[in-house]
Amino acid sequence: MRTLSATMIGFIGLGLMGRPLSLNLKRAGAQLVIYNRSRRVVDELVALGMTAADSPRALDHSALIKVLEKN
């Protein structure tokens, strides 16, 4: 099985669809830098090993692959 180890993915938008997607990417071994307007879900995912970005621009400079989940 292929893993995403050492792949840095930036994820913006951690709502109903974005949160589960980011969790699946993490389970597959990806390193995630995340941003969301609401800080509560960011704090929850940081506790699971993801890295918080202070802004979308900061995320853009941190990740090779970017995912924008729009509501």
PDB file of N, CA and C in Angstrom:
ATOM      1  N   MET A   1       0.834  -1.180   0.000  1.00  0.00           N
ATOM      2  CA  MET A   1       0.000   0.000   0.000  1.00  0.00           C
ATOM      3  C   MET A   1       0.884   1.250   0.000  1.00  0.00           C
ATOM      4  N   ARG A   2       0.586   2.187  -0.853  1.00  0.00           N
ATOM      5  CA  ARG A   2       1.334   3.442  -0.902  1.00  0.00           C
ATOM      6  C   ARG A   2       0.902   4.345   0.239  1.00  0.00           C
ATOM      7  N   THR A   3       1.855   5.076   0.750  1.00  0.00           N
ATOM      8  CA  THR A   3       1.538   6.042   1.790  1.00  0.00           C
ATOM      9  C   THR A   3       1.945   7.424   1.324  1.00  0.00           C
ATOM     10  N   LEU A   4       1.507   8.400   2.050  1.00  0.00           N
ATOM     11  CA  LEU A   4       1.824   9.787   1.739  1.00  0.00           C
ATOM     12  C   LEU A   4       2.914  10.318   2.654  1.00  0.00           C
ATOM     13  N   SER A   5       3.713   9.436   3.223  1.00  0.00           N
ATOM     14  CA  SER A   5       4.742   9.880   4.152  1.00  0.00           C
ATOM     15  C   SER A   5       5.645  10.909   3.488  1.00  0.00           C
ATOM     16  N   ALA A   6       5.995  11.905   4.248  1.00  0.00           N
ATOM     17  CA  ALA A   6       6.861  13.002   3.809  1.00  0.00           C
ATOM     18  C   ALA A   6       6.195  13.928   2.792  1.00  0.00           C
ATOM     19  N   THR A   7       4.906  13.756   2.545  1.00  0.00           N
ATOM     20  CA  THR A   7       4.179  14.664   1.661  1.00  0.00           C
ATOM     21  C   THR A   7       3.551  15.754   2.516  1.00  0.00           C
ATOM     22  N   MET A   8       3.900  17.009   2.254  1.00  0.00           N
ATOM     23  CA  MET A   8       3.350  18.134   3.003  1.00  0.00           C
ATOM     24  C   MET A   8       2.137  18.676   2.251  1.00  0.00           C
ATOM     25  N   ILE A   9       0.962  18.563   2.873  1.00  0.00           N
ATOM     26  CA  ILE A   9      -0.285  19.004   2.263  1.00  0.00           C
ATOM     27  C   ILE A   9      -0.859  20.145   3.094  1.00  0.00           C
ATOM     28  N   GLY A  10      -1.222  21.208   2.430  1.00  0.00           N
ATOM     29  CA  GLY A  10      -1.902  22.328   3.071  1.00  0.00           C
ATOM     30  C   GLY A  10      -3.391  22.187   2.865  1.00  0.00           C
ATOM     31  N   PHE A  11      -4.171  22.353   3.923  1.00  0.00           N
ATOM     32  CA  PHE A  11      -5.619  22.154   3.847  1.00  0.00           C
ATOM     33  C   PHE A  11      -6.318  23.369   4.433  1.00  0.00           C
ATOM     34  N   ILE A  12      -7.122  24.032   3.618  1.00  0.00           N
ATOM     35  CA  ILE A  12      -7.910  25.189   4.060  1.00  0.00           C
ATOM     36  C   ILE A  12      -9.376  24.804   4.024  1.00  0.00           C
ATOM     37  N   GLY A  13     -10.052  24.964   5.136  1.00  0.00           N
ATOM     38  CA  GLY A  13     -11.473  24.640   5.228  1.00  0.00           C
ATOM     39  C   GLY A  13     -11.682  23.288   5.881  1.00  0.00           C
ATOM     40  N   LEU A  14     -12.047  23.294   7.144  1.00  0.00           N
ATOM     41  CA  LEU A  14     -12.151  22.054   7.918  1.00  0.00           C
ATOM     42  C   LEU A  14     -13.571  21.832   8.430  1.00  0.00           C
ATOM     43  N   GLY A  15     -14.520  22.033   7.539  1.00  0.00           N
ATOM     44  CA  GLY A  15     -15.927  21.861   7.899  1.00  0.00           C
ATOM     45  C   GLY A  15     -16.386  20.421   7.772  1.00  0.00           C
ATOM     46  N   LEU A  16     -17.628  20.242   7.365  1.00  0.00           N
ATOM     47  CA  LEU A  16     -18.232  18.916   7.295  1.00  0.00           C
ATOM     48  C   LEU A  16     -17.474  17.956   6.387  1.00  0.00           C
ATOM     49  N   MET A  17     -16.909  18.456   5.322  1.00  0.00           N
ATOM     50  CA  MET A  17     -16.165  17.595   4.416  1.00  0.00           C
ATOM     51  C   MET A  17     -14.652  17.706   4.621  1.00  0.00           C
ATOM     52  N   GLY A  18     -14.162  18.892   4.925  1.00  0.00           N
ATOM     53  CA  GLY A  18     -12.731  19.112   5.048  1.00  0.00           C
ATOM     54  C   GLY A  18     -12.094  18.396   6.227  1.00  0.00           C
ATOM     55  N   ARG A  19     -12.770  18.375   7.354  1.00  0.00           N
ATOM     56  CA  ARG A  19     -12.226  17.706   8.543  1.00  0.00           C
ATOM     57  C   ARG A  19     -12.004  16.209   8.296  1.00  0.00           C
ATOM     58  N   PRO A  20     -13.040  15.477   7.805  1.00  0.00           N
ATOM     59  CA  PRO A  20     -12.815  14.050   7.537  1.00  0.00           C
ATOM     60  C   PRO A  20     -11.747  13.798   6.470  1.00  0.00           C
ATOM     61  N   LEU A  21     -11.703  14.637   5.445  1.00  0.00           N
ATOM     62  CA  LEU A  21     -10.673  14.476   4.413  1.00  0.00           C
ATOM     63  C   LEU A  21      -9.277  14.644   4.999  1.00  0.00           C
ATOM     64  N   SER A  22      -9.108  15.657   5.844  1.00  0.00           N
ATOM     65  CA  SER A  22      -7.793  15.883   6.445  1.00  0.00           C
ATOM     66  C   SER A  22      -7.404  14.721   7.363  1.00  0.00           C
ATOM     67  N   LEU A  23      -8.360  14.178   8.083  1.00  0.00           N
ATOM     68  CA  LEU A  23      -8.077  13.031   8.951  1.00  0.00           C
ATOM     69  C   LEU A  23      -7.646  11.811   8.132  1.00  0.00           C
ATOM     70  N   ASN A  24      -8.303  11.581   7.002  1.00  0.00           N
ATOM     71  CA  ASN A  24      -7.926  10.452   6.142  1.00  0.00           C
ATOM     72  C   ASN A  24      -6.525  10.642   5.566  1.00  0.00           C
ATOM     73  N   LEU A  25      -6.202  11.867   5.178  1.00  0.00           N
ATOM     74  CA  LEU A  25      -4.852  12.135   4.670  1.00  0.00           C
ATOM     75  C   LEU A  25      -3.807  11.906   5.758  1.00  0.00           C
ATOM     76  N   LYS A  26      -4.126  12.303   6.978  1.00  0.00           N
ATOM     77  CA  LYS A  26      -3.214  12.089   8.104  1.00  0.00           C
ATOM     78  C   LYS A  26      -3.011  10.597   8.350  1.00  0.00           C
ATOM     79  N   ARG A  27      -4.098   9.834   8.312  1.00  0.00           N
ATOM     80  CA  ARG A  27      -4.012   8.378   8.507  1.00  0.00           C
ATOM     81  C   ARG A  27      -3.170   7.715   7.421  1.00  0.00           C
ATOM     82  N   ALA A  28      -3.164   8.313   6.218  1.00  0.00           N
ATOM     83  CA  ALA A  28      -2.376   7.777   5.109  1.00  0.00           C
ATOM     84  C   ALA A  28      -0.908   8.176   5.213  1.00  0.00           C
ATOM     85  N   GLY A  29      -0.568   8.965   6.235  1.00  0.00           N
ATOM     86  CA  GLY A  29       0.820   9.301   6.474  1.00  0.00           C
ATOM     87  C   GLY A  29       1.251  10.690   6.053  1.00  0.00           C
ATOM     88  N   ALA A  30       0.328  11.482   5.513  1.00  0.00           N
ATOM     89  CA  ALA A  30       0.683  12.835   5.079  1.00  0.00           C
ATOM     90  C   ALA A  30       0.940  13.746   6.276  1.00  0.00           C
ATOM     91  N   GLN A  31       1.781  14.729   6.057  1.00  0.00           N
ATOM     92  CA  GLN A  31       1.973  15.795   7.036  1.00  0.00           C
ATOM     93  C   GLN A  31       1.048  16.925   6.590  1.00  0.00           C
ATOM     94  N   LEU A  32       0.232  17.432   7.503  1.00  0.00           N
ATOM     95  CA  LEU A  32      -0.730  18.460   7.125  1.00  0.00           C
ATOM     96  C   LEU A  32      -0.482  19.772   7.841  1.00  0.00           C
ATOM     97  N   VAL A  33      -0.571  20.848   7.067  1.00  0.00           N
ATOM     98  CA  VAL A  33      -0.612  22.213   7.582  1.00  0.00           C
ATOM     99  C   VAL A  33      -2.039  22.670   7.325  1.00  0.00           C
ATOM    100  N   ILE A  34      -2.733  23.108   8.372  1.00  0.00           N
ATOM    101  CA  ILE A  34      -4.164  23.383   8.244  1.00  0.00           C
ATOM    102  C   ILE A  34      -4.505  24.820   8.612  1.00  0.00           C
ATOM    103  N   TYR A  35      -5.589  25.307   7.990  1.00  0.00           N
ATOM    104  CA  TYR A  35      -6.118  26.635   8.318  1.00  0.00           C
ATOM    105  C   TYR A  35      -7.630  26.572   8.227  1.00  0.00           C
ATOM    106  N   ASN A  36      -8.278  27.233   9.160  1.00  0.00           N
ATOM    107  CA  ASN A  36      -9.728  27.339   9.185  1.00  0.00           C
ATOM    108  C   ASN A  36     -10.091  28.630   9.900  1.00  0.00           C
ATOM    109  N   ARG A  37     -11.171  29.264   9.499  1.00  0.00           N
ATOM    110  CA  ARG A  37     -11.583  30.502  10.175  1.00  0.00           C
ATOM    111  C   ARG A  37     -11.904  30.257  11.642  1.00  0.00           C
ATOM    112  N   SER A  38     -12.568  29.137  11.924  1.00  0.00           N
ATOM    113  CA  SER A  38     -12.893  28.768  13.296  1.00  0.00           C
ATOM    114  C   SER A  38     -11.705  28.035  13.912  1.00  0.00           C
ATOM    115  N   ARG A  39     -11.242  28.508  15.038  1.00  0.00           N
ATOM    116  CA  ARG A  39     -10.033  27.953  15.655  1.00  0.00           C
ATOM    117  C   ARG A  39     -10.280  26.624  16.381  1.00  0.00           C
ATOM    118  N   ARG A  40     -11.514  26.369  16.796  1.00  0.00           N
ATOM    119  CA  ARG A  40     -11.833  25.172  17.582  1.00  0.00           C
ATOM    120  C   ARG A  40     -11.408  23.888  16.880  1.00  0.00           C
ATOM    121  N   VAL A  41     -11.790  23.734  15.624  1.00  0.00           N
ATOM    122  CA  VAL A  41     -11.445  22.510  14.893  1.00  0.00           C
ATOM    123  C   VAL A  41      -9.939  22.443  14.609  1.00  0.00           C
ATOM    124  N   VAL A  42      -9.306  23.580  14.406  1.00  0.00           N
ATOM    125  CA  VAL A  42      -7.855  23.607  14.202  1.00  0.00           C
ATOM    126  C   VAL A  42      -7.154  23.066  15.448  1.00  0.00           C
ATOM    127  N   ASP A  43      -7.558  23.543  16.606  1.00  0.00           N
ATOM    128  CA  ASP A  43      -6.953  23.083  17.862  1.00  0.00           C
ATOM    129  C   ASP A  43      -7.133  21.578  18.049  1.00  0.00           C
ATOM    130  N   GLU A  44      -8.304  21.072  17.692  1.00  0.00           N
ATOM    131  CA  GLU A  44      -8.582  19.638  17.803  1.00  0.00           C
ATOM    132  C   GLU A  44      -7.637  18.829  16.907  1.00  0.00           C
ATOM    133  N   LEU A  45      -7.431  19.292  15.680  1.00  0.00           N
ATOM    134  CA  LEU A  45      -6.589  18.553  14.741  1.00  0.00           C
ATOM    135  C   LEU A  45      -5.101  18.725  15.040  1.00  0.00           C
ATOM    136  N   VAL A  46      -4.725  19.845  15.588  1.00  0.00           N
ATOM    137  CA  VAL A  46      -3.330  20.039  16.018  1.00  0.00           C
ATOM    138  C   VAL A  46      -2.994  19.019  17.109  1.00  0.00           C
ATOM    139  N   ALA A  47      -3.954  18.754  17.983  1.00  0.00           N
ATOM    140  CA  ALA A  47      -3.740  17.763  19.038  1.00  0.00           C
ATOM    141  C   ALA A  47      -3.515  16.360  18.460  1.00  0.00           C
ATOM    142  N   LEU A  48      -3.941  16.140  17.210  1.00  0.00           N
ATOM    143  CA  LEU A  48      -3.751  14.849  16.542  1.00  0.00           C
ATOM    144  C   LEU A  48      -2.489  14.819  15.680  1.00  0.00           C
ATOM    145  N   GLY A  49      -1.708  15.913  15.724  1.00  0.00           N
ATOM    146  CA  GLY A  49      -0.428  15.914  15.034  1.00  0.00           C
ATOM    147  C   GLY A  49      -0.334  16.781  13.795  1.00  0.00           C
ATOM    148  N   MET A  50      -1.385  17.515  13.475  1.00  0.00           N
ATOM    149  CA  MET A  50      -1.324  18.427  12.340  1.00  0.00           C
ATOM    150  C   MET A  50      -0.725  19.755  12.788  1.00  0.00           C
ATOM    151  N   THR A  51      -0.284  20.564  11.833  1.00  0.00           N
ATOM    152  CA  THR A  51       0.334  21.852  12.137  1.00  0.00           C
ATOM    153  C   THR A  51      -0.611  22.972  11.713  1.00  0.00           C
ATOM    154  N   ALA A  52      -0.818  23.945  12.581  1.00  0.00           N
ATOM    155  CA  ALA A  52      -1.696  25.077  12.270  1.00  0.00           C
ATOM    156  C   ALA A  52      -0.925  26.161  11.540  1.00  0.00           C
ATOM    157  N   ALA A  53      -1.560  26.743  10.537  1.00  0.00           N
ATOM    158  CA  ALA A  53      -1.018  27.918   9.848  1.00  0.00           C
ATOM    159  C   ALA A  53      -1.755  29.139  10.377  1.00  0.00           C
ATOM    160  N   ASP A  54      -1.047  30.254  10.513  1.00  0.00           N
ATOM    161  CA  ASP A  54      -1.657  31.483  11.013  1.00  0.00           C
ATOM    162  C   ASP A  54      -2.549  32.159   9.991  1.00  0.00           C
ATOM    163  N   SER A  55      -2.345  31.850   8.712  1.00  0.00           N
ATOM    164  CA  SER A  55      -3.117  32.475   7.637  1.00  0.00           C
ATOM    165  C   SER A  55      -3.050  31.585   6.398  1.00  0.00           C
ATOM    166  N   PRO A  56      -3.945  31.806   5.443  1.00  0.00           N
ATOM    167  CA  PRO A  56      -3.837  31.061   4.184  1.00  0.00           C
ATOM    168  C   PRO A  56      -2.491  31.311   3.486  1.00  0.00           C
ATOM    169  N   ARG A  57      -1.983  32.510   3.571  1.00  0.00           N
ATOM    170  CA  ARG A  57      -0.691  32.821   2.949  1.00  0.00           C
ATOM    171  C   ARG A  57       0.433  32.005   3.595  1.00  0.00           C
ATOM    172  N   ALA A  58       0.413  31.885   4.919  1.00  0.00           N
ATOM    173  CA  ALA A  58       1.434  31.089   5.607  1.00  0.00           C
ATOM    174  C   ALA A  58       1.341  29.627   5.179  1.00  0.00           C
ATOM    175  N   LEU A  59       0.144  29.129   5.011  1.00  0.00           N
ATOM    176  CA  LEU A  59      -0.057  27.756   4.556  1.00  0.00           C
ATOM    177  C   LEU A  59       0.509  27.598   3.143  1.00  0.00           C
ATOM    178  N   ASP A  60       0.273  28.580   2.303  1.00  0.00           N
ATOM    179  CA  ASP A  60       0.740  28.530   0.918  1.00  0.00           C
ATOM    180  C   ASP A  60       2.255  28.368   0.844  1.00  0.00           C
ATOM    181  N   HIS A  61       2.970  28.997   1.758  1.00  0.00           N
ATOM    182  CA  HIS A  61       4.427  28.916   1.754  1.00  0.00           C
ATOM    183  C   HIS A  61       4.953  27.637   2.411  1.00  0.00           C
ATOM    184  N   SER A  62       4.082  26.911   3.116  1.00  0.00           N
ATOM    185  CA  SER A  62       4.519  25.736   3.876  1.00  0.00           C
ATOM    186  C   SER A  62       4.300  24.405   3.170  1.00  0.00           C
ATOM    187  N   ALA A  63       3.344  24.349   2.245  1.00  0.00           N
ATOM    188  CA  ALA A  63       2.934  23.052   1.705  1.00  0.00           C
ATOM    189  C   ALA A  63       3.184  22.935   0.210  1.00  0.00           C
ATOM    190  N   LEU A  64       3.522  21.728  -0.203  1.00  0.00           N
ATOM    191  CA  LEU A  64       3.722  21.431  -1.615  1.00  0.00           C
ATOM    192  C   LEU A  64       2.381  21.305  -2.335  1.00  0.00           C
ATOM    193  N   ILE A  65       1.434  20.630  -1.711  1.00  0.00           N
ATOM    194  CA  ILE A  65       0.103  20.413  -2.279  1.00  0.00           C
ATOM    195  C   ILE A  65      -0.888  21.207  -1.437  1.00  0.00           C
ATOM    196  N   LYS A  66      -1.800  21.930  -2.111  1.00  0.00           N
ATOM    197  CA  LYS A  66      -2.793  22.720  -1.388  1.00  0.00           C
ATOM    198  C   LYS A  66      -4.195  22.220  -1.723  1.00  0.00           C
ATOM    199  N   VAL A  67      -5.069  22.134  -0.713  1.00  0.00           N
ATOM    200  CA  VAL A  67      -6.454  21.733  -0.886  1.00  0.00           C
ATOM    201  C   VAL A  67      -7.311  22.831  -0.272  1.00  0.00           C
ATOM    202  N   LEU A  68      -8.242  23.347  -1.061  1.00  0.00           N
ATOM    203  CA  LEU A  68      -9.166  24.369  -0.562  1.00  0.00           C
ATOM    204  C   LEU A  68     -10.542  23.764  -0.574  1.00  0.00           C
ATOM    205  N   GLU A  69     -11.126  23.601   0.591  1.00  0.00           N
ATOM    206  CA  GLU A  69     -12.453  23.045   0.737  1.00  0.00           C
ATOM    207  C   GLU A  69     -13.421  24.196   0.952  1.00  0.00           C
ATOM    208  N   LYS A  70     -14.266  24.445  -0.032  1.00  0.00           N
ATOM    209  CA  LYS A  70     -15.191  25.570   0.029  1.00  0.00           C
ATOM    210  C   LYS A  70     -16.572  25.090   0.400  1.00  0.00           C
ATOM    211  N   ASN A  71     -17.205  25.781   1.340  1.00  0.00           N
ATOM    212  CA  ASN A  71     -18.579  25.395   1.750  1.00  0.00           C
ATOM    213  C   ASN A  71     -19.571  25.815   0.713  1.00  0.00           C
TER     214      ASN A  71
END
